[in-house]
Every structure is written in C-alpha cells, then in structure tokens.
PDB file of N, CA and C in Angstrom:
ATOM      1  N   MET A   1     -34.743  34.591 -36.039  1.00  0.00           N
ATOM      2  CA  MET A   1     -34.169  33.682 -35.083  1.00  0.00           C
ATOM      3  C   MET A   1     -33.857  32.430 -35.820  1.00  0.00           C
ATOM      4  N   SER A   2     -32.581  32.029 -35.668  1.00  0.00           N
ATOM      5  CA  SER A   2     -32.156  30.855 -36.428  1.00  0.00           C
ATOM      6  C   SER A   2     -31.947  29.637 -35.525  1.00  0.00           C
ATOM      7  N   LYS A   3     -32.020  29.820 -34.218  1.00  0.00           N
ATOM      8  CA  LYS A   3     -31.804  28.671 -33.353  1.00  0.00           C
ATOM      9  C   LYS A   3     -33.071  27.907 -33.030  1.00  0.00           C
ATOM     10  N   ASN A   4     -32.894  26.690 -32.615  1.00  0.00           N
ATOM     11  CA  ASN A   4     -34.061  25.884 -32.232  1.00  0.00           C
ATOM     12  C   ASN A   4     -34.235  25.807 -30.721  1.00  0.00           C
ATOM     13  N   TRP A   5     -33.448  26.540 -29.965  1.00  0.00           N
ATOM     14  CA  TRP A   5     -33.563  26.582 -28.503  1.00  0.00           C
ATOM     15  C   TRP A   5     -33.387  28.017 -28.016  1.00  0.00           C
ATOM     16  N   TYR A   6     -34.376  28.557 -27.423  1.00  0.00           N
ATOM     17  CA  TYR A   6     -34.261  29.904 -26.826  1.00  0.00           C
ATOM     18  C   TYR A   6     -35.429  30.117 -25.885  1.00  0.00           C
ATOM     19  N   PRO A   7     -35.243  30.989 -24.898  1.00  0.00           N
ATOM     20  CA  PRO A   7     -36.295  31.252 -23.924  1.00  0.00           C
ATOM     21  C   PRO A   7     -37.423  32.149 -24.436  1.00  0.00           C
ATOM     22  N   VAL A   8     -38.569  31.923 -23.942  1.00  0.00           N
ATOM     23  CA  VAL A   8     -39.745  32.790 -24.174  1.00  0.00           C
ATOM     24  C   VAL A   8     -40.345  33.104 -22.832  1.00  0.00           C
ATOM     25  N   ILE A   9     -40.623  34.360 -22.605  1.00  0.00           N
ATOM     26  CA  ILE A   9     -41.161  34.831 -21.288  1.00  0.00           C
ATOM     27  C   ILE A   9     -42.677  34.969 -21.386  1.00  0.00           C
ATOM     28  N   ASP A  10     -43.381  34.325 -20.473  1.00  0.00           N
ATOM     29  CA  ASP A  10     -44.828  34.526 -20.364  1.00  0.00           C
ATOM     30  C   ASP A  10     -45.066  35.761 -19.471  1.00  0.00           C
ATOM     31  N   TYR A  11     -45.382  36.897 -20.075  1.00  0.00           N
ATOM     32  CA  TYR A  11     -45.515  38.138 -19.318  1.00  0.00           C
ATOM     33  C   TYR A  11     -46.761  38.148 -18.433  1.00  0.00           C
ATOM     34  N   GLU A  12     -47.671  37.254 -18.615  1.00  0.00           N
ATOM     35  CA  GLU A  12     -48.783  37.097 -17.695  1.00  0.00           C
ATOM     36  C   GLU A  12     -48.322  36.574 -16.351  1.00  0.00           C
ATOM     37  N   LYS A  13     -47.247  35.809 -16.347  1.00  0.00           N
ATOM     38  CA  LYS A  13     -46.681  35.234 -15.131  1.00  0.00           C
ATOM     39  C   LYS A  13     -45.508  35.993 -14.571  1.00  0.00           C
ATOM     40  N   CYS A  14     -44.772  36.670 -15.413  1.00  0.00           N
ATOM     41  CA  CYS A  14     -43.492  37.331 -15.033  1.00  0.00           C
ATOM     42  C   CYS A  14     -43.726  38.340 -13.900  1.00  0.00           C
ATOM     43  N   SER A  15     -42.872  38.235 -12.858  1.00  0.00           N
ATOM     44  CA  SER A  15     -42.961  39.143 -11.729  1.00  0.00           C
ATOM     45  C   SER A  15     -41.991  40.302 -11.854  1.00  0.00           C
ATOM     46  N   GLU A  16     -41.220  40.331 -12.955  1.00  0.00           N
ATOM     47  CA  GLU A  16     -40.228  41.392 -13.191  1.00  0.00           C
ATOM     48  C   GLU A  16     -39.137  41.429 -12.131  1.00  0.00           C
ATOM     49  N   CYS A  17     -38.722  40.252 -11.628  1.00  0.00           N
ATOM     50  CA  CYS A  17     -37.723  40.215 -10.571  1.00  0.00           C
ATOM     51  C   CYS A  17     -36.264  40.405 -11.126  1.00  0.00           C
ATOM     52  N   GLY A  18     -36.095  40.086 -12.418  1.00  0.00           N
ATOM     53  CA  GLY A  18     -34.807  40.269 -13.022  1.00  0.00           C
ATOM     54  C   GLY A  18     -33.830  39.124 -12.844  1.00  0.00           C
ATOM     55  N   ALA A  19     -34.287  38.047 -12.223  1.00  0.00           N
ATOM     56  CA  ALA A  19     -33.406  36.884 -11.960  1.00  0.00           C
ATOM     57  C   ALA A  19     -32.802  36.327 -13.265  1.00  0.00           C
ATOM     58  N   CYS A  20     -33.622  36.264 -14.309  1.00  0.00           N
ATOM     59  CA  CYS A  20     -33.176  35.731 -15.577  1.00  0.00           C
ATOM     60  C   CYS A  20     -32.057  36.619 -16.165  1.00  0.00           C
ATOM     61  N   PHE A  21     -32.242  37.895 -16.108  1.00  0.00           N
ATOM     62  CA  PHE A  21     -31.279  38.867 -16.604  1.00  0.00           C
ATOM     63  C   PHE A  21     -29.968  38.746 -15.805  1.00  0.00           C
ATOM     64  N   ASP A  22     -30.116  38.655 -14.503  1.00  0.00           N
ATOM     65  CA  ASP A  22     -28.922  38.552 -13.636  1.00  0.00           C
ATOM     66  C   ASP A  22     -28.158  37.248 -13.840  1.00  0.00           C
ATOM     67  N   LYS A  23     -28.854  36.156 -14.128  1.00  0.00           N
ATOM     68  CA  LYS A  23     -28.258  34.851 -14.253  1.00  0.00           C
ATOM     69  C   LYS A  23     -27.509  34.651 -15.584  1.00  0.00           C
ATOM     70  N   CYS A  24     -28.091  35.163 -16.640  1.00  0.00           N
ATOM     71  CA  CYS A  24     -27.538  34.846 -17.980  1.00  0.00           C
ATOM     72  C   CYS A  24     -26.345  35.698 -18.323  1.00  0.00           C
ATOM     73  N   CYS A  25     -25.234  35.125 -18.589  1.00  0.00           N
ATOM     74  CA  CYS A  25     -24.010  35.870 -18.975  1.00  0.00           C
ATOM     75  C   CYS A  25     -23.792  35.793 -20.489  1.00  0.00           C
ATOM     76  N   HIS A  26     -24.798  35.367 -21.223  1.00  0.00           N
ATOM     77  CA  HIS A  26     -24.677  35.235 -22.676  1.00  0.00           C
ATOM     78  C   HIS A  26     -25.396  36.347 -23.422  1.00  0.00           C
ATOM     79  N   GLY A  27     -25.900  37.337 -22.702  1.00  0.00           N
ATOM     80  CA  GLY A  27     -26.536  38.516 -23.351  1.00  0.00           C
ATOM     81  C   GLY A  27     -27.879  38.199 -23.952  1.00  0.00           C
ATOM     82  N   VAL A  28     -28.549  37.167 -23.473  1.00  0.00           N
ATOM     83  CA  VAL A  28     -29.823  36.809 -24.051  1.00  0.00           C
ATOM     84  C   VAL A  28     -30.913  37.808 -23.646  1.00  0.00           C
ATOM     85  N   TYR A  29     -30.812  38.342 -22.425  1.00  0.00           N
ATOM     86  CA  TYR A  29     -31.810  39.210 -21.917  1.00  0.00           C
ATOM     87  C   TYR A  29     -31.346  40.678 -21.808  1.00  0.00           C
ATOM     88  N   GLU A  30     -32.296  41.568 -21.852  1.00  0.00           N
ATOM     89  CA  GLU A  30     -32.083  42.988 -21.596  1.00  0.00           C
ATOM     90  C   GLU A  30     -33.259  43.428 -20.706  1.00  0.00           C
ATOM     91  N   LEU A  31     -32.977  44.372 -19.831  1.00  0.00           N
ATOM     92  CA  LEU A  31     -34.092  44.897 -19.013  1.00  0.00           C
ATOM     93  C   LEU A  31     -34.547  46.200 -19.646  1.00  0.00           C
ATOM     94  N   ARG A  32     -35.820  46.298 -19.814  1.00  0.00           N
ATOM     95  CA  ARG A  32     -36.483  47.504 -20.302  1.00  0.00           C
ATOM     96  C   ARG A  32     -37.361  47.987 -19.199  1.00  0.00           C
ATOM     97  N   GLY A  33     -36.852  48.940 -18.443  1.00  0.00           N
ATOM     98  CA  GLY A  33     -37.497  49.306 -17.177  1.00  0.00           C
ATOM     99  C   GLY A  33     -37.133  48.107 -16.223  1.00  0.00           C
ATOM    100  N   ASN A  34     -38.145  47.490 -15.689  1.00  0.00           N
ATOM    101  CA  ASN A  34     -37.982  46.306 -14.842  1.00  0.00           C
ATOM    102  C   ASN A  34     -38.306  45.047 -15.603  1.00  0.00           C
ATOM    103  N   THR A  35     -38.684  45.181 -16.855  1.00  0.00           N
ATOM    104  CA  THR A  35     -39.186  44.037 -17.637  1.00  0.00           C
ATOM    105  C   THR A  35     -38.068  43.337 -18.416  1.00  0.00           C
ATOM    106  N   PRO A  36     -37.821  42.078 -18.158  1.00  0.00           N
ATOM    107  CA  PRO A  36     -36.831  41.354 -18.943  1.00  0.00           C
ATOM    108  C   PRO A  36     -37.371  41.045 -20.377  1.00  0.00           C
ATOM    109  N   VAL A  37     -36.505  41.264 -21.372  1.00  0.00           N
ATOM    110  CA  VAL A  37     -36.881  41.020 -22.755  1.00  0.00           C
ATOM    111  C   VAL A  37     -35.783  40.118 -23.382  1.00  0.00           C
ATOM    112  N   VAL A  38     -36.165  39.107 -24.151  1.00  0.00           N
ATOM    113  CA  VAL A  38     -35.227  38.325 -24.892  1.00  0.00           C
ATOM    114  C   VAL A  38     -34.813  39.113 -26.109  1.00  0.00           C
ATOM    115  N   VAL A  39     -33.542  39.566 -26.130  1.00  0.00           N
ATOM    116  CA  VAL A  39     -33.022  40.370 -27.235  1.00  0.00           C
ATOM    117  C   VAL A  39     -31.993  39.655 -28.072  1.00  0.00           C
ATOM    118  N   ASN A  40     -31.429  38.532 -27.549  1.00  0.00           N
ATOM    119  CA  ASN A  40     -30.437  37.807 -28.273  1.00  0.00           C
ATOM    120  C   ASN A  40     -30.672  36.322 -28.100  1.00  0.00           C
ATOM    121  N   PRO A  41     -31.716  35.770 -28.737  1.00  0.00           N
ATOM    122  CA  PRO A  41     -32.032  34.374 -28.581  1.00  0.00           C
ATOM    123  C   PRO A  41     -30.897  33.462 -29.024  1.00  0.00           C
ATOM    124  N   ASP A  42     -30.142  33.905 -30.021  1.00  0.00           N
ATOM    125  CA  ASP A  42     -29.029  33.119 -30.505  1.00  0.00           C
ATOM    126  C   ASP A  42     -27.931  32.871 -29.492  1.00  0.00           C
ATOM    127  N   GLY A  43     -27.895  33.717 -28.460  1.00  0.00           N
ATOM    128  CA  GLY A  43     -26.899  33.592 -27.402  1.00  0.00           C
ATOM    129  C   GLY A  43     -27.213  32.487 -26.369  1.00  0.00           C
ATOM    130  N   CYS A  44     -28.437  32.015 -26.427  1.00  0.00           N
ATOM    131  CA  CYS A  44     -28.835  30.945 -25.459  1.00  0.00           C
ATOM    132  C   CYS A  44     -28.154  29.640 -25.824  1.00  0.00           C
ATOM    133  N   ILE A  45     -27.610  28.999 -24.801  1.00  0.00           N
ATOM    134  CA  ILE A  45     -26.917  27.698 -24.998  1.00  0.00           C
ATOM    135  C   ILE A  45     -27.960  26.587 -24.968  1.00  0.00           C
ATOM    136  N   GLU A  46     -27.964  25.743 -25.969  1.00  0.00           N
ATOM    137  CA  GLU A  46     -28.983  24.694 -26.054  1.00  0.00           C
ATOM    138  C   GLU A  46     -28.879  23.788 -24.830  1.00  0.00           C
ATOM    139  N   GLY A  47     -30.026  23.601 -24.204  1.00  0.00           N
ATOM    140  CA  GLY A  47     -30.117  22.788 -23.004  1.00  0.00           C
ATOM    141  C   GLY A  47     -29.952  23.505 -21.709  1.00  0.00           C
ATOM    142  N   CYS A  48     -29.512  24.765 -21.772  1.00  0.00           N
ATOM    143  CA  CYS A  48     -29.314  25.544 -20.547  1.00  0.00           C
ATOM    144  C   CYS A  48     -30.670  25.979 -19.992  1.00  0.00           C
ATOM    145  N   ARG A  49     -30.889  25.700 -18.723  1.00  0.00           N
ATOM    146  CA  ARG A  49     -32.135  26.098 -18.051  1.00  0.00           C
ATOM    147  C   ARG A  49     -31.865  26.917 -16.798  1.00  0.00           C
ATOM    148  N   GLY A  50     -30.676  27.525 -16.785  1.00  0.00           N
ATOM    149  CA  GLY A  50     -30.301  28.314 -15.581  1.00  0.00           C
ATOM    150  C   GLY A  50     -31.312  29.400 -15.200  1.00  0.00           C
ATOM    151  N   CYS A  51     -31.787  30.135 -16.227  1.00  0.00           N
ATOM    152  CA  CYS A  51     -32.748  31.167 -15.902  1.00  0.00           C
ATOM    153  C   CYS A  51     -34.128  30.646 -15.551  1.00  0.00           C
ATOM    154  N   GLN A  52     -34.481  29.555 -16.166  1.00  0.00           N
ATOM    155  CA  GLN A  52     -35.799  28.949 -15.889  1.00  0.00           C
ATOM    156  C   GLN A  52     -35.860  28.428 -14.461  1.00  0.00           C
ATOM    157  N   LYS A  53     -34.748  27.818 -14.036  1.00  0.00           N
ATOM    158  CA  LYS A  53     -34.713  27.266 -12.670  1.00  0.00           C
ATOM    159  C   LYS A  53     -34.768  28.357 -11.586  1.00  0.00           C
ATOM    160  N   LEU A  54     -34.319  29.571 -11.932  1.00  0.00           N
ATOM    161  CA  LEU A  54     -34.346  30.645 -10.946  1.00  0.00           C
ATOM    162  C   LEU A  54     -35.610  31.415 -10.954  1.00  0.00           C
ATOM    163  N   CYS A  55     -36.445  31.294 -11.980  1.00  0.00           N
ATOM    164  CA  CYS A  55     -37.651  32.078 -12.149  1.00  0.00           C
ATOM    165  C   CYS A  55     -38.665  31.741 -11.085  1.00  0.00           C
ATOM    166  N   PRO A  56     -39.001  32.656 -10.151  1.00  0.00           N
ATOM    167  CA  PRO A  56     -39.935  32.328  -9.070  1.00  0.00           C
ATOM    168  C   PRO A  56     -41.392  32.200  -9.498  1.00  0.00           C
ATOM    169  N   SER A  57     -41.672  32.653 -10.715  1.00  0.00           N
ATOM    170  CA  SER A  57     -43.064  32.612 -11.166  1.00  0.00           C
ATOM    171  C   SER A  57     -43.265  31.629 -12.349  1.00  0.00           C
ATOM    172  N   SER A  58     -42.246  30.843 -12.648  1.00  0.00           N
ATOM    173  CA  SER A  58     -42.308  29.842 -13.716  1.00  0.00           C
ATOM    174  C   SER A  58     -42.779  30.480 -15.023  1.00  0.00           C
ATOM    175  N   ALA A  59     -42.202  31.609 -15.375  1.00  0.00           N
ATOM    176  CA  ALA A  59     -42.624  32.360 -16.538  1.00  0.00           C
ATOM    177  C   ALA A  59     -41.770  32.083 -17.773  1.00  0.00           C
ATOM    178  N   ILE A  60     -40.726  31.203 -17.673  1.00  0.00           N
ATOM    179  CA  ILE A  60     -39.856  30.967 -18.780  1.00  0.00           C
ATOM    180  C   ILE A  60     -40.020  29.538 -19.320  1.00  0.00           C
ATOM    181  N   GLU A  61     -40.242  29.471 -20.628  1.00  0.00           N
ATOM    182  CA  GLU A  61     -40.303  28.198 -21.325  1.00  0.00           C
ATOM    183  C   GLU A  61     -39.312  28.332 -22.476  1.00  0.00           C
ATOM    184  N   TYR A  62     -39.039  27.252 -23.185  1.00  0.00           N
ATOM    185  CA  TYR A  62     -38.066  27.270 -24.246  1.00  0.00           C
ATOM    186  C   TYR A  62     -38.676  26.762 -25.552  1.00  0.00           C
ATOM    187  N   VAL A  63     -38.442  27.513 -26.594  1.00  0.00           N
ATOM    188  CA  VAL A  63     -38.770  27.038 -27.953  1.00  0.00           C
ATOM    189  C   VAL A  63     -37.781  25.906 -28.238  1.00  0.00           C
ATOM    190  N   GLY A  64     -38.294  24.794 -28.727  1.00  0.00           N
ATOM    191  CA  GLY A  64     -37.423  23.652 -29.004  1.00  0.00           C
ATOM    192  C   GLY A  64     -37.373  22.646 -27.894  1.00  0.00           C
ATOM    193  N   ASP A  65     -38.028  22.937 -26.763  1.00  0.00           N
ATOM    194  CA  ASP A  65     -38.013  22.001 -25.665  1.00  0.00           C
ATOM    195  C   ASP A  65     -39.086  20.959 -25.846  1.00  0.00           C
ATOM    196  N   THR A  66     -38.696  19.729 -26.035  1.00  0.00           N
ATOM    197  CA  THR A  66     -39.655  18.679 -26.224  1.00  0.00           C
ATOM    198  C   THR A  66     -39.996  17.976 -24.929  1.00  0.00           C
ATOM    199  N   GLY A  67     -39.260  18.298 -23.890  1.00  0.00           N
ATOM    200  CA  GLY A  67     -39.534  17.667 -22.575  1.00  0.00           C
ATOM    201  C   GLY A  67     -38.881  16.282 -22.435  1.00  0.00           C
ATOM    202  N   THR A  68     -38.249  15.823 -23.529  1.00  0.00           N
ATOM    203  CA  THR A  68     -37.731  14.519 -23.473  1.00  0.00           C
ATOM    204  C   THR A  68     -36.185  14.511 -23.501  1.00  0.00           C
ATOM    205  N   SER A  69     -35.593  15.684 -23.613  1.00  0.00           N
ATOM    206  CA  SER A  69     -34.152  15.746 -23.624  1.00  0.00           C
ATOM    207  C   SER A  69     -33.551  15.460 -22.261  1.00  0.00           C
ATOM    208  N   SER A  70     -32.623  14.543 -22.232  1.00  0.00           N
ATOM    209  CA  SER A  70     -31.934  14.178 -21.017  1.00  0.00           C
ATOM    210  C   SER A  70     -30.532  14.762 -20.921  1.00  0.00           C
ATOM    211  N   SER A  71     -30.162  15.436 -22.020  1.00  0.00           N
ATOM    212  CA  SER A  71     -28.760  15.946 -22.049  1.00  0.00           C
ATOM    213  C   SER A  71     -28.651  17.213 -21.220  1.00  0.00           C
ATOM    214  N   GLU A  72     -27.511  17.348 -20.587  1.00  0.00           N
ATOM    215  CA  GLU A  72     -27.228  18.543 -19.812  1.00  0.00           C
ATOM    216  C   GLU A  72     -26.618  19.537 -20.805  1.00  0.00           C
ATOM    217  N   CYS A  73     -26.709  20.779 -20.502  1.00  0.00           N
ATOM    218  CA  CYS A  73     -26.130  21.765 -21.364  1.00  0.00           C
ATOM    219  C   CYS A  73     -24.647  21.842 -21.245  1.00  0.00           C
ATOM    220  N   SER A  74     -24.000  22.422 -22.206  1.00  0.00           N
ATOM    221  CA  SER A  74     -22.548  22.538 -22.181  1.00  0.00           C
ATOM    222  C   SER A  74     -22.131  23.911 -21.642  1.00  0.00           C
ATOM    223  N   CYS A  75     -23.023  24.613 -21.069  1.00  0.00           N
ATOM    224  CA  CYS A  75     -22.786  25.969 -20.593  1.00  0.00           C
ATOM    225  C   CYS A  75     -21.941  25.922 -19.323  1.00  0.00           C
ATOM    226  N   GLU A  76     -20.884  26.699 -19.319  1.00  0.00           N
ATOM    227  CA  GLU A  76     -19.983  26.711 -18.149  1.00  0.00           C
ATOM    228  C   GLU A  76     -20.293  27.918 -17.232  1.00  0.00           C
ATOM    229  N   CYS A  77     -21.298  28.700 -17.579  1.00  0.00           N
ATOM    230  CA  CYS A  77     -21.596  29.891 -16.825  1.00  0.00           C
ATOM    231  C   CYS A  77     -22.445  29.619 -15.599  1.00  0.00           C
ATOM    232  N   CYS A  78     -23.088  28.466 -15.558  1.00  0.00           N
ATOM    233  CA  CYS A  78     -24.043  28.237 -14.456  1.00  0.00           C
ATOM    234  C   CYS A  78     -24.135  26.774 -14.089  1.00  0.00           C
ATOM    235  N   ASP A  79     -24.819  26.516 -13.049  1.00  0.00           N
ATOM    236  CA  ASP A  79     -25.013  25.156 -12.590  1.00  0.00           C
ATOM    237  C   ASP A  79     -26.334  24.584 -13.086  1.00  0.00           C
ATOM    238  N   CYS A  80     -26.494  24.702 -14.378  1.00  0.00           N
ATOM    239  CA  CYS A  80     -27.795  24.246 -14.951  1.00  0.00           C
ATOM    240  C   CYS A  80     -27.693  22.719 -15.169  1.00  0.00           C
TER     241      CYS A  80
END
C-alpha cells in the first residue's frame, strides 16, 4: 500500500450490510460472501468519507486520518 489515506474495517463492529461496497465507485471494496474487504486501497480518494458516513455500525476508520483535517475531498462520486 503506497497511499497515506485508505479505509480499514473493524470486523468486530461490521454488520456486513454492504453499504460501503455499494457507495464506493472507486473499486476500493469487494464483497466476499457478505463481508466487505478493502482490495484496492489506492483507489480511495484522500479525504473521502462517503462509506464511513453510511456505515451503521461505525466500523470504518482511515489510515492517515489525524482528525484535524478540515479539507473536503475532491471526490465527485458522492456527497462526502
């Protein structure tokens, strides 16, 4: 993984609803059975939180998230 921003799923919290997979149009996720898996972290747009905002179980965090970033993402695929 070469990027400094990508999602990580906490499988202890994940409800396997698939919202993250359905939301992301950058091919970051793949479903294996009902379980979402991050297969293309480099596809994630820095600052995009579209999948995190939809996650009903708060199971998605981001590597590289310092919590201090005020910038919006440049992603045109969602209303993040």
